C-alpha atoms as a PDB file:
ATOM      1  CA  MET A   1      29.788  32.789 -30.332  1.00  0.00           C
ATOM      2  CA  ARG A   2      27.634  29.680 -30.756  1.00  0.00           C
ATOM      3  CA  ASN A   3      25.075  29.311 -28.494  1.00  0.00           C
ATOM      4  CA  ASN A   4      25.868  26.409 -26.254  1.00  0.00           C
ATOM      5  CA  ASP A   5      22.347  25.340 -25.468  1.00  0.00           C
ATOM      6  CA  GLU A   6      21.285  25.497 -29.227  1.00  0.00           C
ATOM      7  CA  ARG A   7      24.678  23.180 -29.840  1.00  0.00           C
ATOM      8  CA  ILE A   8      23.544  20.473 -27.362  1.00  0.00           C
ATOM      9  CA  GLY A   9      20.051  20.790 -28.625  1.00  0.00           C
ATOM     10  CA  ALA A  10      18.636  22.112 -25.146  1.00  0.00           C
ATOM     11  CA  VAL A  11      16.537  24.443 -26.884  1.00  0.00           C
ATOM     12  CA  GLN A  12      13.504  23.634 -29.105  1.00  0.00           C
ATOM     13  CA  GLN A  13      13.316  24.886 -32.476  1.00  0.00           C
ATOM     14  CA  GLN A  14       9.802  26.382 -33.593  1.00  0.00           C
ATOM     15  CA  ASP A  15       8.848  23.944 -36.164  1.00  0.00           C
ATOM     16  CA  SER A  16       9.746  20.866 -33.837  1.00  0.00           C
ATOM     17  CA  PRO A  17       6.838  19.114 -32.497  1.00  0.00           C
ATOM     18  CA  ALA A  18       5.614  19.227 -28.698  1.00  0.00           C
ATOM     19  CA  PRO A  19       6.610  16.185 -27.020  1.00  0.00           C
ATOM     20  CA  THR A  20       3.753  13.787 -26.304  1.00  0.00           C
ATOM     21  CA  GLN A  21       2.937  12.653 -22.421  1.00  0.00           C
ATOM     22  CA  ALA A  22       4.040   8.817 -23.350  1.00  0.00           C
ATOM     23  CA  GLN A  23       7.441  10.278 -24.698  1.00  0.00           C
ATOM     24  CA  GLY A  24       8.188  12.781 -21.680  1.00  0.00           C
ATOM     25  CA  ALA A  25       9.468  16.150 -22.421  1.00  0.00           C
ATOM     26  CA  MET A  26      12.696  17.951 -21.473  1.00  0.00           C
ATOM     27  CA  ASN A  27      12.672  21.580 -20.479  1.00  0.00           C
ATOM     28  CA  GLY A  28      16.129  22.443 -20.382  1.00  0.00           C
ATOM     29  CA  LEU A  29      17.673  19.587 -18.025  1.00  0.00           C
ATOM     30  CA  ASN A  30      14.492  18.759 -16.491  1.00  0.00           C
ATOM     31  CA  PHE A  31      13.265  15.422 -17.539  1.00  0.00           C
ATOM     32  CA  ILE A  32       9.037  15.514 -17.338  1.00  0.00           C
ATOM     33  CA  ALA A  33       8.685  11.268 -16.705  1.00  0.00           C
ATOM     34  CA  PRO A  34       5.859  10.136 -18.976  1.00  0.00           C
ATOM     35  CA  THR A  35       2.585   9.191 -16.790  1.00  0.00           C
ATOM     36  CA  GLU A  36      -0.072   6.240 -17.582  1.00  0.00           C
ATOM     37  CA  PHE A  37      -3.730   5.592 -16.357  1.00  0.00           C
ATOM     38  CA  VAL A  38      -3.913   2.396 -14.605  1.00  0.00           C
ATOM     39  CA  GLU A  39      -7.458   0.586 -14.418  1.00  0.00           C
ATOM     40  CA  ILE A  40      -8.154  -0.867 -10.573  1.00  0.00           C
ATOM     41  CA  PRO A  41      -9.710  -4.136  -9.829  1.00  0.00           C
ATOM     42  CA  SER A  42     -12.010  -2.561  -6.967  1.00  0.00           C
ATOM     43  CA  LYS A  43     -12.855   0.397  -9.407  1.00  0.00           C
ATOM     44  CA  GLY A  44     -13.074   2.404  -6.224  1.00  0.00           C
ATOM     45  CA  LYS A  45     -16.530   1.079  -4.854  1.00  0.00           C
ATOM     46  CA  PHE A  46     -14.756  -0.619  -1.648  1.00  0.00           C
ATOM     47  CA  TYR A  47     -12.712   3.123  -0.334  1.00  0.00           C
ATOM     48  CA  PRO A  48     -14.925   5.262   1.642  1.00  0.00           C
ATOM     49  CA  GLN A  49     -15.974   8.438   1.052  1.00  0.00           C
ATOM     50  CA  GLY A  50     -13.099  11.191   1.725  1.00  0.00           C
ATOM     51  CA  HIS A  51     -10.080   8.815   0.120  1.00  0.00           C
ATOM     52  CA  PRO A  52      -8.514   9.564  -2.870  1.00  0.00           C
ATOM     53  CA  LEU A  53      -9.613   6.872  -4.449  1.00  0.00           C
ATOM     54  CA  HIS A  54     -13.398   6.649  -3.742  1.00  0.00           C
ATOM     55  CA  ASN A  55     -15.317   5.640  -6.745  1.00  0.00           C
ATOM     56  CA  LYS A  56     -12.153   5.937  -8.796  1.00  0.00           C
ATOM     57  CA  ASP A  57     -11.494   3.395 -11.333  1.00  0.00           C
ATOM     58  CA  VAL A  58      -8.200   4.497 -12.949  1.00  0.00           C
ATOM     59  CA  VAL A  59      -5.411   5.366 -10.918  1.00  0.00           C
ATOM     60  CA  GLU A  60      -1.997   7.757 -12.892  1.00  0.00           C
ATOM     61  CA  ILE A  61       1.036   6.399 -12.123  1.00  0.00           C
ATOM     62  CA  LYS A  62       4.871   7.615 -13.333  1.00  0.00           C
ATOM     63  CA  HIS A  63       6.817   5.737 -15.903  1.00  0.00           C
ATOM     64  CA  MET A  64       9.802   4.144 -13.460  1.00  0.00           C
ATOM     65  CA  THR A  65      12.988   6.805 -13.807  1.00  0.00           C
ATOM     66  CA  ALA A  66      16.714   6.121 -11.797  1.00  0.00           C
ATOM     67  CA  ARG A  67      15.181   7.547  -8.854  1.00  0.00           C
ATOM     68  CA  GLU A  68      13.003   4.719  -8.556  1.00  0.00           C
ATOM     69  CA  GLU A  69      15.549   1.820  -9.487  1.00  0.00           C
ATOM     70  CA  ASP A  70      17.759   3.525  -6.220  1.00  0.00           C
ATOM     71  CA  ILE A  71      14.825   3.326  -3.869  1.00  0.00           C
ATOM     72  CA  LEU A  72      14.570  -0.929  -5.411  1.00  0.00           C
ATOM     73  CA  THR A  73      18.334  -1.314  -5.323  1.00  0.00           C
ATOM     74  CA  SER A  74      18.474   0.171  -1.555  1.00  0.00           C
ATOM     75  CA  GLN A  75      19.983  -2.503   1.001  1.00  0.00           C
ATOM     76  CA  THR A  76      18.249  -0.576   3.859  1.00  0.00           C
ATOM     77  CA  LEU A  77      14.832  -0.253   1.848  1.00  0.00           C
ATOM     78  CA  LEU A  78      15.492  -4.135   1.224  1.00  0.00           C
ATOM     79  CA  LYS A  79      16.132  -5.113   4.684  1.00  0.00           C
ATOM     80  CA  GLN A  80      13.601  -3.080   6.195  1.00  0.00           C
ATOM     81  CA  GLY A  81      10.969  -4.700   3.805  1.00  0.00           C
ATOM     82  CA  VAL A  82       9.818  -1.457   2.253  1.00  0.00           C
ATOM     83  CA  ALA A  83      11.390  -1.126  -0.860  1.00  0.00           C
ATOM     84  CA  ILE A  84       8.035  -1.978  -3.065  1.00  0.00           C
ATOM     85  CA  ASP A  85       5.955   0.556  -1.180  1.00  0.00           C
ATOM     86  CA  ARG A  86       8.617   3.381  -1.282  1.00  0.00           C
ATOM     87  CA  PHE A  87       9.016   2.601  -4.842  1.00  0.00           C
ATOM     88  CA  LEU A  88       5.133   2.488  -5.322  1.00  0.00           C
ATOM     89  CA  GLN A  89       4.787   5.730  -3.470  1.00  0.00           C
ATOM     90  CA  SER A  90       7.406   7.293  -5.839  1.00  0.00           C
ATOM     91  CA  VAL A  91       5.079   6.678  -9.062  1.00  0.00           C
ATOM     92  CA  LEU A  92       1.964   7.803  -7.651  1.00  0.00           C
ATOM     93  CA  LYS A  93       1.027  10.603  -9.749  1.00  0.00           C
ATOM     94  CA  ASP A  94      -1.352  11.638  -6.771  1.00  0.00           C
ATOM     95  CA  ASN A  95       0.455  12.471  -3.245  1.00  0.00           C
ATOM     96  CA  SER A  96      -2.182  12.068  -1.256  1.00  0.00           C
ATOM     97  CA  ILE A  97      -2.574   8.739  -1.911  1.00  0.00           C
ATOM     98  CA  ASP A  98      -1.179   6.398   0.817  1.00  0.00           C
ATOM     99  CA  VAL A  99       0.228   2.979  -0.505  1.00  0.00           C
ATOM    100  CA  SER A 100      -0.787   1.353   2.934  1.00  0.00           C
ATOM    101  CA  THR A 101      -4.428   2.396   2.410  1.00  0.00           C
ATOM    102  CA  LEU A 102      -4.664   0.708  -1.077  1.00  0.00           C
ATOM    103  CA  LEU A 103      -6.290  -2.696  -1.332  1.00  0.00           C
ATOM    104  CA  VAL A 104      -4.226  -5.526  -2.044  1.00  0.00           C
ATOM    105  CA  GLY A 105      -5.834  -5.790  -5.294  1.00  0.00           C
ATOM    106  CA  ASP A 106      -4.903  -2.802  -6.151  1.00  0.00           C
ATOM    107  CA  LYS A 107      -1.892  -2.572  -4.957  1.00  0.00           C
ATOM    108  CA  ASN A 108      -0.707  -5.313  -7.020  1.00  0.00           C
ATOM    109  CA  ALA A 109      -2.052  -4.268 -10.346  1.00  0.00           C
ATOM    110  CA  LEU A 110      -0.094  -0.765 -10.149  1.00  0.00           C
ATOM    111  CA  ILE A 111       2.581  -2.742  -8.924  1.00  0.00           C
ATOM    112  CA  ILE A 112       2.429  -4.702 -12.335  1.00  0.00           C
ATOM    113  CA  ALA A 113       2.175  -1.865 -14.571  1.00  0.00           C
ATOM    114  CA  ALA A 114       4.771   0.478 -12.907  1.00  0.00           C
ATOM    115  CA  ARG A 115       6.985  -2.415 -13.019  1.00  0.00           C
ATOM    116  CA  CYS A 116       6.400  -2.533 -17.044  1.00  0.00           C
ATOM    117  CA  THR A 117       7.451   1.248 -17.625  1.00  0.00           C
ATOM    118  CA  GLY A 118      10.907   0.213 -16.246  1.00  0.00           C
ATOM    119  CA  TYR A 119      11.604  -3.315 -17.707  1.00  0.00           C
ATOM    120  CA  GLY A 120       8.828  -4.053 -20.102  1.00  0.00           C
ATOM    121  CA  HIS A 121       6.158  -6.734 -20.704  1.00  0.00           C
ATOM    122  CA  ASP A 122       8.545  -9.837 -20.433  1.00  0.00           C
ATOM    123  CA  TYR A 123       9.212 -11.442 -17.358  1.00  0.00           C
ATOM    124  CA  GLU A 124      11.180 -14.765 -17.043  1.00  0.00           C
ATOM    125  CA  THR A 125      10.118 -16.774 -13.998  1.00  0.00           C
ATOM    126  CA  SER A 126      10.447 -20.540 -12.884  1.00  0.00           C
ATOM    127  CA  ILE A 127       7.310 -22.074 -12.550  1.00  0.00           C
ATOM    128  CA  THR A 128       6.685 -25.693 -10.743  1.00  0.00           C
ATOM    129  CA  CYS A 129       4.350 -28.333 -12.101  1.00  0.00           C
ATOM    130  CA  PRO A 130       1.961 -28.909  -9.627  1.00  0.00           C
ATOM    131  CA  ARG A 131       1.518 -32.723 -11.276  1.00  0.00           C
ATOM    132  CA  CYS A 132       5.237 -33.704 -11.376  1.00  0.00           C
ATOM    133  CA  GLY A 133       7.085 -30.859  -9.399  1.00  0.00           C
ATOM    134  CA  THR A 134       9.664 -30.203 -12.413  1.00  0.00           C
ATOM    135  CA  GLU A 135      10.393 -26.743 -12.239  1.00  0.00           C
ATOM    136  CA  SER A 136      10.856 -24.796 -15.574  1.00  0.00           C
ATOM    137  CA  LYS A 137      11.639 -21.556 -17.014  1.00  0.00           C
ATOM    138  CA  HIS A 138       9.183 -19.623 -18.665  1.00  0.00           C
ATOM    139  CA  GLU A 139       9.171 -16.053 -20.304  1.00  0.00           C
ATOM    140  CA  VAL A 140       5.630 -14.372 -20.053  1.00  0.00           C
ATOM    141  CA  ASP A 141       3.898 -11.442 -21.522  1.00  0.00           C
ATOM    142  CA  LEU A 142       2.477  -9.359 -18.824  1.00  0.00           C
ATOM    143  CA  SER A 143      -0.114  -7.572 -21.005  1.00  0.00           C
ATOM    144  CA  GLU A 144      -1.137 -10.604 -22.284  1.00  0.00           C
ATOM    145  CA  ILE A 145      -1.776 -12.664 -18.989  1.00  0.00           C
ATOM    146  CA  SER A 146      -2.485  -9.866 -16.299  1.00  0.00           C
ATOM    147  CA  HIS A 147      -6.211 -10.069 -15.404  1.00  0.00           C
ATOM    148  CA  LEU A 148      -8.268  -7.868 -13.176  1.00  0.00           C
ATOM    149  CA  GLU A 149     -11.121  -9.699 -10.394  1.00  0.00           C
ATOM    150  CA  ASP A 150     -13.229  -6.981  -9.329  1.00  0.00           C
ATOM    151  CA  GLY A 151     -14.911  -9.169  -6.370  1.00  0.00           C
ATOM    152  CA  TYR A 152     -18.279  -9.790  -5.023  1.00  0.00           C
ATOM    153  CA  HIS A 153     -21.529  -8.267  -7.002  1.00  0.00           C
ATOM    154  CA  GLN A 154     -24.379  -7.988  -5.210  1.00  0.00           C
ATOM    155  CA  ASP A 155     -26.806  -8.519  -8.155  1.00  0.00           C
ATOM    156  CA  THR A 156     -26.007 -12.134  -8.587  1.00  0.00           C
ATOM    157  CA  ALA A 157     -24.868 -12.630  -4.879  1.00  0.00           C
ATOM    158  CA  GLU A 158     -27.446 -14.791  -3.942  1.00  0.00           C
ATOM    159  CA  GLU A 159     -26.873 -17.275  -6.490  1.00  0.00           C
ATOM    160  CA  ALA A 160     -22.766 -17.261  -6.747  1.00  0.00           C
ATOM    161  CA  LEU A 161     -22.475 -16.510  -2.908  1.00  0.00           C
ATOM    162  CA  PRO A 162     -26.117 -17.506  -0.545  1.00  0.00           C
ATOM    163  CA  ASN A 163     -23.730 -17.527   2.531  1.00  0.00           C
ATOM    164  CA  VAL A 164     -22.411 -13.913   1.860  1.00  0.00           C
ATOM    165  CA  GLU A 165     -23.913 -10.556   2.830  1.00  0.00           C
ATOM    166  CA  GLY A 166     -22.509  -6.775   2.503  1.00  0.00           C
ATOM    167  CA  PRO A 167     -20.896  -4.689   1.986  1.00  0.00           C
ATOM    168  CA  ASN A 168     -22.509  -3.394   5.757  1.00  0.00           C
ATOM    169  CA  ASP A 169     -21.747   0.370   6.491  1.00  0.00           C
ATOM    170  CA  TYR A 170     -18.252  -0.287   7.633  1.00  0.00           C
ATOM    171  CA  GLY A 171     -17.520  -1.964   3.953  1.00  0.00           C
ATOM    172  CA  ASN A 172     -17.149  -5.013   6.037  1.00  0.00           C
ATOM    173  CA  TYR A 173     -18.836  -8.415   4.476  1.00  0.00           C
ATOM    174  CA  LEU A 174     -20.534 -11.449   6.366  1.00  0.00           C
ATOM    175  CA  ILE A 175     -19.959 -14.636   5.930  1.00  0.00           C
ATOM    176  CA  THR A 176     -22.405 -17.570   7.310  1.00  0.00           C
ATOM    177  CA  LEU A 177     -19.911 -20.640   7.851  1.00  0.00           C
ATOM    178  CA  PRO A 178     -22.196 -24.207   6.860  1.00  0.00           C
ATOM    179  CA  VAL A 179     -21.061 -25.975   9.455  1.00  0.00           C
ATOM    180  CA  THR A 180     -20.652 -23.719  12.582  1.00  0.00           C
ATOM    181  CA  ASN A 181     -22.872 -21.384  11.184  1.00  0.00           C
ATOM    182  CA  ALA A 182     -20.809 -18.913  12.492  1.00  0.00           C
ATOM    183  CA  VAL A 183     -20.911 -15.509  11.461  1.00  0.00           C
ATOM    184  CA  PHE A 184     -17.707 -13.695  10.052  1.00  0.00           C
ATOM    185  CA  GLU A 185     -17.066 -10.139   9.693  1.00  0.00           C
ATOM    186  CA  VAL A 186     -14.554  -9.609   7.052  1.00  0.00           C
ATOM    187  CA  LYS A 187     -12.606  -6.617   5.954  1.00  0.00           C
ATOM    188  CA  LEU A 188     -11.022  -6.174   2.485  1.00  0.00           C
ATOM    189  CA  MET A 189      -7.523  -6.528   2.917  1.00  0.00           C
ATOM    190  CA  THR A 190      -5.318  -3.089   2.763  1.00  0.00           C
ATOM    191  CA  GLY A 191      -1.404  -2.812   2.462  1.00  0.00           C
ATOM    192  CA  ALA A 192      -1.282  -1.983   5.852  1.00  0.00           C
ATOM    193  CA  ASP A 193      -3.326  -5.297   6.613  1.00  0.00           C
ATOM    194  CA  GLU A 194      -0.628  -7.291   4.152  1.00  0.00           C
ATOM    195  CA  LYS A 195       1.996  -5.951   6.312  1.00  0.00           C
ATOM    196  CA  ALA A 196       0.809  -7.768   9.616  1.00  0.00           C
ATOM    197  CA  PHE A 197      -0.032 -10.725   7.936  1.00  0.00           C
ATOM    198  CA  THR A 198       3.453 -10.932   6.630  1.00  0.00           C
ATOM    199  CA  LYS A 199       4.630  -9.727  10.563  1.00  0.00           C
ATOM    200  CA  ARG A 200       2.911 -12.361  11.784  1.00  0.00           C
ATOM    201  CA  MET A 201       4.432 -14.938   9.774  1.00  0.00           C
ATOM    202  CA  GLU A 202       7.897 -13.828  10.856  1.00  0.00           C
ATOM    203  CA  THR A 203       6.493 -13.891  13.974  1.00  0.00           C
ATOM    204  CA  ARG A 204       6.160 -17.688  13.643  1.00  0.00           C
ATOM    205  CA  LYS A 205       9.187 -18.565  12.280  1.00  0.00           C
ATOM    206  CA  LYS A 206      11.091 -16.719  15.189  1.00  0.00           C
ATOM    207  CA  LYS A 207       9.913 -18.302  17.652  1.00  0.00           C
ATOM    208  CA  LYS A 208      10.064 -21.525  15.296  1.00  0.00           C
ATOM    209  CA  LEU A 209       6.363 -22.293  15.344  1.00  0.00           C
ATOM    210  CA  GLY A 210       5.253 -24.244  12.190  1.00  0.00           C
ATOM    211  CA  GLU A 211       3.914 -22.805   9.680  1.00  0.00           C
ATOM    212  CA  ALA A 212       0.118 -21.282   9.429  1.00  0.00           C
ATOM    213  CA  ILE A 213      -0.579 -19.140   6.622  1.00  0.00           C
ATOM    214  CA  MET A 214      -3.891 -19.906   6.203  1.00  0.00           C
ATOM    215  CA  THR A 215      -5.125 -19.156   9.544  1.00  0.00           C
ATOM    216  CA  ASP A 216      -2.497 -16.319   9.976  1.00  0.00           C
ATOM    217  CA  GLN A 217      -4.422 -14.614   6.885  1.00  0.00           C
ATOM    218  CA  PHE A 218      -7.912 -15.446   8.811  1.00  0.00           C
ATOM    219  CA  LYS A 219      -7.326 -13.716  11.811  1.00  0.00           C
ATOM    220  CA  THR A 220      -5.787 -10.701   9.842  1.00  0.00           C
ATOM    221  CA  PHE A 221      -8.763  -9.988   7.903  1.00  0.00           C
ATOM    222  CA  THR A 222     -11.299 -11.457  10.422  1.00  0.00           C
ATOM    223  CA  VAL A 223     -13.022  -8.393  12.424  1.00  0.00           C
ATOM    224  CA  SER A 224     -15.612 -10.098  14.179  1.00  0.00           C
ATOM    225  CA  ILE A 225     -17.070 -13.316  14.733  1.00  0.00           C
ATOM    226  CA  ASN A 226     -21.173 -13.845  16.207  1.00  0.00           C
ATOM    227  CA  GLY A 227     -20.638  -9.882  16.891  1.00  0.00           C
ATOM    228  CA  VAL A 228     -17.321 -11.014  19.211  1.00  0.00           C
ATOM    229  CA  ASN A 229     -14.225  -8.788  18.075  1.00  0.00           C
ATOM    230  CA  ILE A 230     -12.338 -10.123  21.398  1.00  0.00           C
ATOM    231  CA  ALA A 231      -8.627 -10.944  19.585  1.00  0.00           C
ATOM    232  CA  ARG A 232      -8.096 -13.761  21.429  1.00  0.00           C
ATOM    233  CA  GLN A 233     -11.017 -15.693  21.088  1.00  0.00           C
ATOM    234  CA  ILE A 234     -11.676 -14.555  17.579  1.00  0.00           C
ATOM    235  CA  HIS A 235      -7.733 -16.402  17.002  1.00  0.00           C
ATOM    236  CA  ASN A 236      -9.084 -19.208  18.990  1.00  0.00           C
ATOM    237  CA  PHE A 237     -11.875 -19.806  17.537  1.00  0.00           C
ATOM    238  CA  ILE A 238     -10.029 -19.928  13.796  1.00  0.00           C
ATOM    239  CA  ASP A 239      -7.759 -22.417  14.924  1.00  0.00           C
ATOM    240  CA  ASN A 240     -10.322 -24.902  15.677  1.00  0.00           C
ATOM    241  CA  LEU A 241     -12.270 -24.247  12.512  1.00  0.00           C
ATOM    242  CA  PRO A 242     -13.547 -27.595  10.841  1.00  0.00           C
ATOM    243  CA  VAL A 243     -12.168 -27.980   7.332  1.00  0.00           C
ATOM    244  CA  LYS A 244     -15.099 -27.721   5.574  1.00  0.00           C
ATOM    245  CA  ASP A 245     -15.775 -23.654   6.990  1.00  0.00           C
ATOM    246  CA  SER A 246     -12.189 -22.994   6.703  1.00  0.00           C
ATOM    247  CA  ARG A 247     -12.333 -23.976   2.848  1.00  0.00           C
ATOM    248  CA  PHE A 248     -15.736 -22.066   2.707  1.00  0.00           C
ATOM    249  CA  LEU A 249     -14.020 -19.313   4.259  1.00  0.00           C
ATOM    250  CA  ARG A 250     -11.351 -19.034   2.152  1.00  0.00           C
ATOM    251  CA  THR A 251     -13.204 -19.480  -1.211  1.00  0.00           C
ATOM    252  CA  ALA A 252     -15.834 -16.650  -0.482  1.00  0.00           C
ATOM    253  CA  TYR A 253     -13.213 -14.018   0.392  1.00  0.00           C
ATOM    254  CA  ASN A 254     -11.445 -14.555  -2.526  1.00  0.00           C
ATOM    255  CA  ALA A 255     -14.432 -14.653  -4.468  1.00  0.00           C
ATOM    256  CA  ILE A 256     -15.288 -10.997  -2.847  1.00  0.00           C
ATOM    257  CA  ALA A 257     -11.872  -9.338  -2.954  1.00  0.00           C
ATOM    258  CA  PRO A 258     -10.795  -7.484  -6.011  1.00  0.00           C
ATOM    259  CA  ALA A 259      -7.699  -8.740  -7.357  1.00  0.00           C
ATOM    260  CA  SER A 260      -5.291  -8.585 -10.001  1.00  0.00           C
ATOM    261  CA  ARG A 261      -3.544 -12.149 -10.940  1.00  0.00           C
ATOM    262  CA  LEU A 262      -0.722 -13.275 -13.623  1.00  0.00           C
ATOM    263  CA  LYS A 263      -2.650 -16.658 -15.003  1.00  0.00           C
ATOM    264  CA  TYR A 264      -0.654 -18.598 -17.691  1.00  0.00           C
ATOM    265  CA  ASP A 265      -1.465 -21.364 -19.861  1.00  0.00           C
ATOM    266  CA  PHE A 266       1.156 -23.890 -18.421  1.00  0.00           C
ATOM    267  CA  GLU A 267       2.431 -26.830 -20.553  1.00  0.00           C
ATOM    268  CA  CYS A 268       4.659 -28.668 -18.330  1.00  0.00           C
ATOM    269  CA  PRO A 269       7.863 -29.754 -20.587  1.00  0.00           C
ATOM    270  CA  ASN A 270       8.730 -33.039 -18.793  1.00  0.00           C
ATOM    271  CA  CYS A 271       5.114 -34.410 -18.541  1.00  0.00           C
ATOM    272  CA  SER A 272       3.011 -32.352 -20.585  1.00  0.00           C
ATOM    273  CA  HIS A 273       0.448 -31.184 -17.808  1.00  0.00           C
ATOM    274  CA  GLU A 274      -1.324 -28.620 -19.103  1.00  0.00           C
ATOM    275  CA  ARG A 275      -3.363 -26.083 -16.457  1.00  0.00           C
ATOM    276  CA  GLU A 276      -3.655 -22.454 -15.876  1.00  0.00           C
ATOM    277  CA  VAL A 277      -1.914 -21.316 -13.429  1.00  0.00           C
ATOM    278  CA  GLU A 278      -1.118 -17.629 -11.289  1.00  0.00           C
ATOM    279  CA  VAL A 279       2.600 -16.859 -12.655  1.00  0.00           C
ATOM    280  CA  PRO A 280       4.308 -15.757  -9.132  1.00  0.00           C
ATOM    281  CA  ILE A 281       6.133 -12.590  -8.329  1.00  0.00           C
ATOM    282  CA  THR A 282       9.368 -13.119  -7.167  1.00  0.00           C
ATOM    283  CA  ALA A 283      12.850 -11.267  -6.750  1.00  0.00           C
ATOM    284  CA  GLN A 284      13.376 -11.235 -10.818  1.00  0.00           C
ATOM    285  CA  PHE A 285       9.790  -9.399 -11.291  1.00  0.00           C
ATOM    286  CA  PHE A 286      12.116  -5.884  -9.775  1.00  0.00           C
ATOM    287  CA  TRP A 287      15.303  -7.606 -10.325  1.00  0.00           C
ATOM    288  CA  PRO A 288      15.810  -9.338 -13.892  1.00  0.00           C
ATOM    289  CA  ASP A 289      19.678  -9.605 -13.599  1.00  0.00           C
ATOM    290  CA  ILE A 290      19.454 -11.553 -10.248  1.00  0.00           C
END
């Protein structure tokens, strides 16, 4: 009787080449998903000793499978707002890495790379022209527009950011504002901080309060002001920051934070305005059929 395994091709012949990591591997009916290494913008410099990513500049992820797509389409997880985190946790090869402890820039880099393993590099999205307000659809190649920014460089700090010092023993930075001369101690936001920021915005919305995206972000990443770490006092000070100080704080923080950005050379089909823009990550990023 002919061997059933041999008939369906489950048995690898001796002269068959071994599958490569990029192709994945089939052992009986157990498929081993391929993996790839993703460069992270922080290069591991901002994680404390003991963290799995301390001084690591790459992270290994598995390619998307049907299991990950189930996570992304789970209505329960979507309603809870945890689908993306569960998805990312599932594709991380190193189970000791907690997604909530990832710096936001590193997390975004991994999300972009993981998305490409499942749906490819082509991403169709709508971009609003900053000049005329016309919304138009564009198909971008994620492999060409993804840029890593590794943040603050100590050796050029005095020239580029004279009012910034750090990191201190806690990995935080000190930013001295130009008008009030207040010294803000700020931390680099992690996935957990990002959730706190989102929750803060949702609370404002439920209470029918006006949007305060900028000040809510300041309140999330500020550890202390002039050595004072009492939340109520910090929040009150931030709410009354002079505009010049507010703009400086935002610019300085963006400069020190490692990031993964999608930059696209945009040309408006309506007014022909040309400008480099940051491509929005919308629902179509992981759900291209929506």
